[in-house]
């Protein structure tokens, strides 16, 4: 790649970074966390409830698959003389 091409790309990137820094400096800081603005937007949403149910079922199946299988052990009969 020619050095002039790299220099042009670097200059464009530096300009973009300077613009982003300027936007950050001039934008007002949020008064509340971002998650508060979206909290509760899925309330009473059937599609969301279905997605959560399917995810829960999948996680339960995956957890069951990853657990070691229990071995069946024979219990010794009580009151048996040796």
PDB file of N, CA and C in Angstrom:
ATOM      1  N   UNK A   1       0.854  -1.171   0.000  1.00  0.00           N
ATOM      2  CA  UNK A   1       0.000   0.000   0.000  1.00  0.00           C
ATOM      3  C   UNK A   1       0.900   1.234   0.000  1.00  0.00           C
ATOM      4  N   UNK A   2       0.572   2.179  -0.818  1.00  0.00           N
ATOM      5  CA  UNK A   2       1.391   3.379  -0.931  1.00  0.00           C
ATOM      6  C   UNK A   2       1.313   4.192   0.352  1.00  0.00           C
ATOM      7  N   UNK A   3       2.428   4.819   0.687  1.00  0.00           N
ATOM      8  CA  UNK A   3       2.470   5.583   1.940  1.00  0.00           C
ATOM      9  C   UNK A   3       1.532   6.786   1.901  1.00  0.00           C
ATOM     10  N   UNK A   4       1.298   7.351   0.697  1.00  0.00           N
ATOM     11  CA  UNK A   4       0.375   8.497   0.619  1.00  0.00           C
ATOM     12  C   UNK A   4      -1.046   8.052   0.948  1.00  0.00           C
ATOM     13  N   UNK A   5      -1.433   6.855   0.530  1.00  0.00           N
ATOM     14  CA  UNK A   5      -2.755   6.331   0.829  1.00  0.00           C
ATOM     15  C   UNK A   5      -2.923   6.132   2.342  1.00  0.00           C
ATOM     16  N   UNK A   6      -1.894   5.595   2.974  1.00  0.00           N
ATOM     17  CA  UNK A   6      -1.942   5.381   4.420  1.00  0.00           C
ATOM     18  C   UNK A   6      -2.022   6.724   5.138  1.00  0.00           C
ATOM     19  N   UNK A   7      -1.246   7.687   4.670  1.00  0.00           N
ATOM     20  CA  UNK A   7      -1.264   9.012   5.294  1.00  0.00           C
ATOM     21  C   UNK A   7      -2.641   9.666   5.162  1.00  0.00           C
ATOM     22  N   UNK A   8      -3.273   9.497   4.023  1.00  0.00           N
ATOM     23  CA  UNK A   8      -4.605  10.068   3.817  1.00  0.00           C
ATOM     24  C   UNK A   8      -5.622   9.399   4.748  1.00  0.00           C
ATOM     25  N   UNK A   9      -5.543   8.097   4.844  1.00  0.00           N
ATOM     26  CA  UNK A   9      -6.463   7.376   5.719  1.00  0.00           C
ATOM     27  C   UNK A   9      -6.249   7.754   7.177  1.00  0.00           C
ATOM     28  N   UNK A  10      -4.976   7.897   7.578  1.00  0.00           N
ATOM     29  CA  UNK A  10      -4.663   8.296   8.942  1.00  0.00           C
ATOM     30  C   UNK A  10      -5.191   9.700   9.233  1.00  0.00           C
ATOM     31  N   UNK A  11      -5.035  10.606   8.295  1.00  0.00           N
ATOM     32  CA  UNK A  11      -5.525  11.967   8.466  1.00  0.00           C
ATOM     33  C   UNK A  11      -7.054  11.975   8.603  1.00  0.00           C
ATOM     34  N   UNK A  12      -7.745  11.159   7.799  1.00  0.00           N
ATOM     35  CA  UNK A  12      -9.206  11.076   7.881  1.00  0.00           C
ATOM     36  C   UNK A  12      -9.636  10.514   9.232  1.00  0.00           C
ATOM     37  N   UNK A  13      -8.924   9.509   9.723  1.00  0.00           N
ATOM     38  CA  UNK A  13      -9.238   8.934  11.029  1.00  0.00           C
ATOM     39  C   UNK A  13      -9.015   9.942  12.156  1.00  0.00           C
ATOM     40  N   UNK A  14      -7.913  10.675  12.088  1.00  0.00           N
ATOM     41  CA  UNK A  14      -7.631  11.683  13.103  1.00  0.00           C
ATOM     42  C   UNK A  14      -8.709  12.755  13.113  1.00  0.00           C
ATOM     43  N   UNK A  15      -9.184  13.130  11.945  1.00  0.00           N
ATOM     44  CA  UNK A  15     -10.244  14.135  11.846  1.00  0.00           C
ATOM     45  C   UNK A  15     -11.539  13.586  12.454  1.00  0.00           C
ATOM     46  N   UNK A  16     -11.866  12.332  12.165  1.00  0.00           N
ATOM     47  CA  UNK A  16     -13.064  11.716  12.732  1.00  0.00           C
ATOM     48  C   UNK A  16     -12.987  11.646  14.260  1.00  0.00           C
ATOM     49  N   UNK A  17     -11.830  11.293  14.774  1.00  0.00           N
ATOM     50  CA  UNK A  17     -11.655  11.211  16.223  1.00  0.00           C
ATOM     51  C   UNK A  17     -11.816  12.593  16.852  1.00  0.00           C
ATOM     52  N   UNK A  18     -11.253  13.608  16.223  1.00  0.00           N
ATOM     53  CA  UNK A  18     -11.389  14.977  16.737  1.00  0.00           C
ATOM     54  C   UNK A  18     -12.857  15.406  16.753  1.00  0.00           C
ATOM     55  N   UNK A  19     -13.620  15.045  15.714  1.00  0.00           N
ATOM     56  CA  UNK A  19     -15.046  15.380  15.664  1.00  0.00           C
ATOM     57  C   UNK A  19     -15.819  14.656  16.771  1.00  0.00           C
ATOM     58  N   UNK A  20     -15.504  13.399  16.994  1.00  0.00           N
ATOM     59  CA  UNK A  20     -16.167  12.633  18.056  1.00  0.00           C
ATOM     60  C   UNK A  20     -15.863  13.225  19.430  1.00  0.00           C
ATOM     61  N   UNK A  21     -14.603  13.615  19.650  1.00  0.00           N
ATOM     62  CA  UNK A  21     -14.249  14.243  20.917  1.00  0.00           C
ATOM     63  C   UNK A  21     -15.031  15.537  21.111  1.00  0.00           C
ATOM     64  N   UNK A  22     -15.167  16.305  20.054  1.00  0.00           N
ATOM     65  CA  UNK A  22     -15.911  17.559  20.130  1.00  0.00           C
ATOM     66  C   UNK A  22     -17.374  17.296  20.474  1.00  0.00           C
ATOM     67  N   UNK A  23     -17.957  16.275  19.868  1.00  0.00           N
ATOM     68  CA  UNK A  23     -19.356  15.937  20.151  1.00  0.00           C
ATOM     69  C   UNK A  23     -19.528  15.523  21.617  1.00  0.00           C
ATOM     70  N   UNK A  24     -18.578  14.775  22.140  1.00  0.00           N
ATOM     71  CA  UNK A  24     -18.659  14.358  23.536  1.00  0.00           C
ATOM     72  C   UNK A  24     -18.560  15.546  24.488  1.00  0.00           C
ATOM     73  N   UNK A  25     -17.711  16.484  24.142  1.00  0.00           N
ATOM     74  CA  UNK A  25     -17.526  17.646  25.009  1.00  0.00           C
ATOM     75  C   UNK A  25     -18.753  18.546  25.017  1.00  0.00           C
ATOM     76  N   UNK A  26     -19.445  18.643  23.893  1.00  0.00           N
ATOM     77  CA  UNK A  26     -20.579  19.563  23.797  1.00  0.00           C
ATOM     78  C   UNK A  26     -21.915  18.925  24.154  1.00  0.00           C
ATOM     79  N   UNK A  27     -21.984  17.599  24.148  1.00  0.00           N
ATOM     80  CA  UNK A  27     -23.264  16.947  24.464  1.00  0.00           C
ATOM     81  C   UNK A  27     -23.502  16.987  25.967  1.00  0.00           C
ATOM     82  N   UNK A  28     -24.749  17.208  26.368  1.00  0.00           N
ATOM     83  CA  UNK A  28     -25.037  17.241  27.803  1.00  0.00           C
ATOM     84  C   UNK A  28     -24.902  15.844  28.400  1.00  0.00           C
ATOM     85  N   UNK A  29     -24.416  15.787  29.618  1.00  0.00           N
ATOM     86  CA  UNK A  29     -24.292  14.477  30.267  1.00  0.00           C
ATOM     87  C   UNK A  29     -25.678  14.022  30.715  1.00  0.00           C
ATOM     88  N   UNK A  30     -25.938  12.752  30.627  1.00  0.00           N
ATOM     89  CA  UNK A  30     -27.268  12.254  31.004  1.00  0.00           C
ATOM     90  C   UNK A  30     -27.519  12.457  32.500  1.00  0.00           C
ATOM     91  N   UNK A  31     -28.764  12.751  32.818  1.00  0.00           N
ATOM     92  CA  UNK A  31     -29.119  12.960  34.221  1.00  0.00           C
ATOM     93  C   UNK A  31     -29.452  11.652  34.916  1.00  0.00           C
ATOM     94  N   UNK A  32     -29.762  10.622  34.129  1.00  0.00           N
ATOM     95  CA  UNK A  32     -30.059   9.323  34.719  1.00  0.00           C
ATOM     96  C   UNK A  32     -29.401   8.233  33.878  1.00  0.00           C
ATOM     97  N   UNK A  33     -29.202   7.056  34.447  1.00  0.00           N
ATOM     98  CA  UNK A  33     -28.583   5.969  33.692  1.00  0.00           C
ATOM     99  C   UNK A  33     -29.430   5.584  32.480  1.00  0.00           C
ATOM    100  N   UNK A  34     -28.784   5.102  31.419  1.00  0.00           N
ATOM    101  CA  UNK A  34     -29.472   4.763  30.172  1.00  0.00           C
ATOM    102  C   UNK A  34     -30.537   3.697  30.385  1.00  0.00           C
ATOM    103  N   UNK A  35     -30.280   2.780  31.305  1.00  0.00           N
ATOM    104  CA  UNK A  35     -31.219   1.659  31.470  1.00  0.00           C
ATOM    105  C   UNK A  35     -32.539   2.104  32.078  1.00  0.00           C
ATOM    106  N   UNK A  36     -32.549   3.224  32.768  1.00  0.00           N
ATOM    107  CA  UNK A  36     -33.820   3.700  33.315  1.00  0.00           C
ATOM    108  C   UNK A  36     -34.775   4.156  32.217  1.00  0.00           C
ATOM    109  N   UNK A  37     -34.227   4.633  31.112  1.00  0.00           N
ATOM    110  CA  UNK A  37     -35.089   5.107  30.026  1.00  0.00           C
ATOM    111  C   UNK A  37     -35.780   3.956  29.302  1.00  0.00           C
ATOM    112  N   UNK A  38     -35.223   2.730  29.407  1.00  0.00           N
ATOM    113  CA  UNK A  38     -35.856   1.592  28.734  1.00  0.00           C
ATOM    114  C   UNK A  38     -36.505   0.618  29.706  1.00  0.00           C
ATOM    115  N   UNK A  39     -36.344   0.882  30.994  1.00  0.00           N
ATOM    116  CA  UNK A  39     -36.904  -0.011  32.001  1.00  0.00           C
ATOM    117  C   UNK A  39     -38.421  -0.094  31.868  1.00  0.00           C
ATOM    118  N   UNK A  40     -38.928  -1.322  31.785  1.00  0.00           N
ATOM    119  CA  UNK A  40     -40.369  -1.537  31.742  1.00  0.00           C
ATOM    120  C   UNK A  40     -40.995  -1.477  30.364  1.00  0.00           C
ATOM    121  N   UNK A  41     -40.204  -1.338  29.311  1.00  0.00           N
ATOM    122  CA  UNK A  41     -40.823  -1.196  27.984  1.00  0.00           C
ATOM    123  C   UNK A  41     -41.442  -2.506  27.494  1.00  0.00           C
ATOM    124  N   UNK A  42     -41.094  -3.619  28.129  1.00  0.00           N
ATOM    125  CA  UNK A  42     -41.661  -4.899  27.714  1.00  0.00           C
ATOM    126  C   UNK A  42     -42.776  -5.370  28.643  1.00  0.00           C
ATOM    127  N   UNK A  43     -43.246  -4.504  29.496  1.00  0.00           N
ATOM    128  CA  UNK A  43     -44.311  -4.894  30.419  1.00  0.00           C
ATOM    129  C   UNK A  43     -45.553  -5.317  29.643  1.00  0.00           C
ATOM    130  N   UNK A  44     -46.116  -6.449  30.036  1.00  0.00           N
ATOM    131  CA  UNK A  44     -47.336  -6.994  29.413  1.00  0.00           C
ATOM    132  C   UNK A  44     -47.174  -7.263  27.921  1.00  0.00           C
ATOM    133  N   UNK A  45     -45.970  -7.613  27.501  1.00  0.00           N
ATOM    134  CA  UNK A  45     -45.707  -7.921  26.093  1.00  0.00           C
ATOM    135  C   UNK A  45     -45.632  -9.445  25.946  1.00  0.00           C
ATOM    136  N   UNK A  46     -46.585 -10.023  25.231  1.00  0.00           N
ATOM    137  CA  UNK A  46     -46.668 -11.485  25.097  1.00  0.00           C
ATOM    138  C   UNK A  46     -45.438 -12.057  24.396  1.00  0.00           C
ATOM    139  N   UNK A  47     -44.917 -11.366  23.399  1.00  0.00           N
ATOM    140  CA  UNK A  47     -43.745 -11.859  22.675  1.00  0.00           C
ATOM    141  C   UNK A  47     -42.528 -11.901  23.596  1.00  0.00           C
ATOM    142  N   UNK A  48     -42.378 -10.902  24.430  1.00  0.00           N
ATOM    143  CA  UNK A  48     -41.262 -10.872  25.377  1.00  0.00           C
ATOM    144  C   UNK A  48     -41.392 -12.012  26.382  1.00  0.00           C
ATOM    145  N   UNK A  49     -42.588 -12.210  26.900  1.00  0.00           N
ATOM    146  CA  UNK A  49     -42.815 -13.299  27.856  1.00  0.00           C
ATOM    147  C   UNK A  49     -42.504 -14.650  27.231  1.00  0.00           C
ATOM    148  N   UNK A  50     -42.885 -14.832  25.991  1.00  0.00           N
ATOM    149  CA  UNK A  50     -42.607 -16.084  25.283  1.00  0.00           C
ATOM    150  C   UNK A  50     -41.106 -16.269  25.097  1.00  0.00           C
ATOM    151  N   UNK A  51     -40.412 -15.204  24.740  1.00  0.00           N
ATOM    152  CA  UNK A  51     -38.957 -15.279  24.571  1.00  0.00           C
ATOM    153  C   UNK A  51     -38.280 -15.652  25.887  1.00  0.00           C
ATOM    154  N   UNK A  52     -38.741 -15.074  26.983  1.00  0.00           N
ATOM    155  CA  UNK A  52     -38.164 -15.395  28.293  1.00  0.00           C
ATOM    156  C   UNK A  52     -38.448 -16.845  28.671  1.00  0.00           C
ATOM    157  N   UNK A  53     -39.640 -17.333  28.373  1.00  0.00           N
ATOM    158  CA  UNK A  53     -39.995 -18.719  28.676  1.00  0.00           C
ATOM    159  C   UNK A  53     -39.120 -19.678  27.881  1.00  0.00           C
ATOM    160  N   UNK A  54     -38.953 -19.410  26.589  1.00  0.00           N
ATOM    161  CA  UNK A  54     -38.126 -20.276  25.752  1.00  0.00           C
ATOM    162  C   UNK A  54     -36.666 -20.263  26.213  1.00  0.00           C
ATOM    163  N   UNK A  55     -36.177 -19.096  26.580  1.00  0.00           N
ATOM    164  CA  UNK A  55     -34.803 -19.002  27.082  1.00  0.00           C
ATOM    165  C   UNK A  55     -34.619 -19.776  28.370  1.00  0.00           C
ATOM    166  N   UNK A  56     -35.592 -19.677  29.260  1.00  0.00           N
ATOM    167  CA  UNK A  56     -35.536 -20.402  30.534  1.00  0.00           C
ATOM    168  C   UNK A  56     -35.537 -21.909  30.282  1.00  0.00           C
ATOM    169  N   UNK A  57     -36.406 -22.377  29.380  1.00  0.00           N
ATOM    170  CA  UNK A  57     -36.448 -23.809  29.059  1.00  0.00           C
ATOM    171  C   UNK A  57     -35.113 -24.277  28.490  1.00  0.00           C
ATOM    172  N   UNK A  58     -34.539 -23.493  27.610  1.00  0.00           N
ATOM    173  CA  UNK A  58     -33.261 -23.867  26.994  1.00  0.00           C
ATOM    174  C   UNK A  58     -32.169 -23.965  28.054  1.00  0.00           C
ATOM    175  N   UNK A  59     -32.111 -22.959  28.957  1.00  0.00           N
ATOM    176  CA  UNK A  59     -31.090 -22.973  30.006  1.00  0.00           C
ATOM    177  C   UNK A  59     -31.268 -24.176  30.922  1.00  0.00           C
ATOM    178  N   UNK A  60     -32.496 -24.521  31.263  1.00  0.00           N
ATOM    179  CA  UNK A  60     -32.743 -25.671  32.125  1.00  0.00           C
ATOM    180  C   UNK A  60     -32.291 -26.961  31.456  1.00  0.00           C
ATOM    181  N   UNK A  61     -32.567 -27.099  30.161  1.00  0.00           N
ATOM    182  CA  UNK A  61     -32.114 -28.296  29.436  1.00  0.00           C
ATOM    183  C   UNK A  61     -30.596 -28.361  29.384  1.00  0.00           C
ATOM    184  N   UNK A  62     -29.944 -27.221  29.110  1.00  0.00           N
ATOM    185  CA  UNK A  62     -28.489 -27.199  29.042  1.00  0.00           C
ATOM    186  C   UNK A  62     -27.873 -27.505  30.402  1.00  0.00           C
ATOM    187  N   UNK A  63     -28.462 -26.970  31.467  1.00  0.00           N
ATOM    188  CA  UNK A  63     -27.948 -27.258  32.803  1.00  0.00           C
ATOM    189  C   UNK A  63     -28.116 -28.729  33.139  1.00  0.00           C
ATOM    190  N   UNK A  64     -29.238 -29.311  32.773  1.00  0.00           N
ATOM    191  CA  UNK A  64     -29.477 -30.729  33.043  1.00  0.00           C
ATOM    192  C   UNK A  64     -28.484 -31.597  32.265  1.00  0.00           C
ATOM    193  N   UNK A  65     -28.140 -31.181  31.062  1.00  0.00           N
ATOM    194  CA  UNK A  65     -27.195 -31.954  30.253  1.00  0.00           C
ATOM    195  C   UNK A  65     -25.786 -31.877  30.818  1.00  0.00           C
ATOM    196  N   UNK A  66     -25.448 -30.770  31.461  1.00  0.00           N
ATOM    197  CA  UNK A  66     -24.083 -30.597  31.950  1.00  0.00           C
ATOM    198  C   UNK A  66     -23.865 -31.215  33.333  1.00  0.00           C
ATOM    199  N   UNK A  67     -24.946 -31.527  34.048  1.00  0.00           N
ATOM    200  CA  UNK A  67     -24.800 -32.133  35.365  1.00  0.00           C
ATOM    201  C   UNK A  67     -24.395 -33.590  35.224  1.00  0.00           C
ATOM    202  N   UNK A  68     -23.557 -34.084  36.129  1.00  0.00           N
ATOM    203  CA  UNK A  68     -23.182 -35.503  36.055  1.00  0.00           C
ATOM    204  C   UNK A  68     -24.394 -36.381  36.359  1.00  0.00           C
ATOM    205  N   UNK A  69     -24.454 -37.494  35.674  1.00  0.00           N
ATOM    206  CA  UNK A  69     -25.553 -38.437  35.876  1.00  0.00           C
ATOM    207  C   UNK A  69     -25.368 -39.132  37.224  1.00  0.00           C
ATOM    208  N   UNK A  70     -26.461 -39.296  37.932  1.00  0.00           N
ATOM    209  CA  UNK A  70     -26.398 -39.990  39.219  1.00  0.00           C
ATOM    210  C   UNK A  70     -26.411 -41.487  38.970  1.00  0.00           C
ATOM    211  N   UNK A  71     -25.560 -42.164  39.683  1.00  0.00           N
ATOM    212  CA  UNK A  71     -25.538 -43.614  39.573  1.00  0.00           C
ATOM    213  C   UNK A  71     -26.571 -44.189  40.516  1.00  0.00           C
ATOM    214  N   UNK A  72     -27.202 -45.236  40.041  1.00  0.00           N
ATOM    215  CA  UNK A  72     -28.153 -45.925  40.900  1.00  0.00           C
ATOM    216  C   UNK A  72     -27.360 -46.850  41.804  1.00  0.00           C
ATOM    217  N   UNK A  73     -27.599 -46.715  43.072  1.00  0.00           N
ATOM    218  CA  UNK A  73     -26.903 -47.578  44.029  1.00  0.00           C
ATOM    219  C   UNK A  73     -27.920 -48.476  44.702  1.00  0.00           C
ATOM    220  N   UNK A  74     -27.494 -49.672  44.970  1.00  0.00           N
ATOM    221  CA  UNK A  74     -28.363 -50.611  45.664  1.00  0.00           C
ATOM    222  C   UNK A  74     -28.280 -50.344  47.148  1.00  0.00           C
ATOM    223  N   UNK A  75     -29.415 -50.331  47.737  1.00  0.00           N
ATOM    224  CA  UNK A  75     -29.458 -50.176  49.188  1.00  0.00           C
ATOM    225  C   UNK A  75     -29.390 -51.566  49.807  1.00  0.00           C
ATOM    226  N   UNK A  76     -28.632 -51.647  50.871  1.00  0.00           N
ATOM    227  CA  UNK A  76     -28.535 -52.921  51.569  1.00  0.00           C
ATOM    228  C   UNK A  76     -29.823 -53.145  52.328  1.00  0.00           C
ATOM    229  N   UNK A  77     -30.324 -54.342  52.270  1.00  0.00           N
ATOM    230  CA  UNK A  77     -31.541 -54.633  53.025  1.00  0.00           C
ATOM    231  C   UNK A  77     -31.279 -54.506  54.521  1.00  0.00           C
ATOM    232  N   UNK A  78     -32.285 -54.022  55.230  1.00  0.00           N
ATOM    233  CA  UNK A  78     -32.151 -53.869  56.663  1.00  0.00           C
ATOM    234  C   UNK A  78     -32.380 -55.223  57.351  1.00  0.00           C
ATOM    235  N   UNK A  79     -31.763 -55.359  58.485  1.00  0.00           N
ATOM    236  CA  UNK A  79     -31.925 -56.537  59.330  1.00  0.00           C
ATOM    237  C   UNK A  79     -31.509 -57.823  58.632  1.00  0.00           C
ATOM    238  N   UNK A  80     -30.509 -57.725  57.786  1.00  0.00           N
ATOM    239  CA  UNK A  80     -29.982 -58.929  57.146  1.00  0.00           C
ATOM    240  C   UNK A  80     -28.697 -59.301  57.843  1.00  0.00           C
ATOM    241  N   UNK A  81     -28.605 -60.573  58.236  1.00  0.00           N
ATOM    242  CA  UNK A  81     -27.402 -61.033  58.932  1.00  0.00           C
ATOM    243  C   UNK A  81     -26.412 -61.554  57.919  1.00  0.00           C
ATOM    244  N   UNK A  82     -25.159 -61.230  58.183  1.00  0.00           N
ATOM    245  CA  UNK A  82     -24.118 -61.680  57.268  1.00  0.00           C
ATOM    246  C   UNK A  82     -23.560 -62.990  57.694  1.00  0.00           C
TER     247      UNK A  82
END
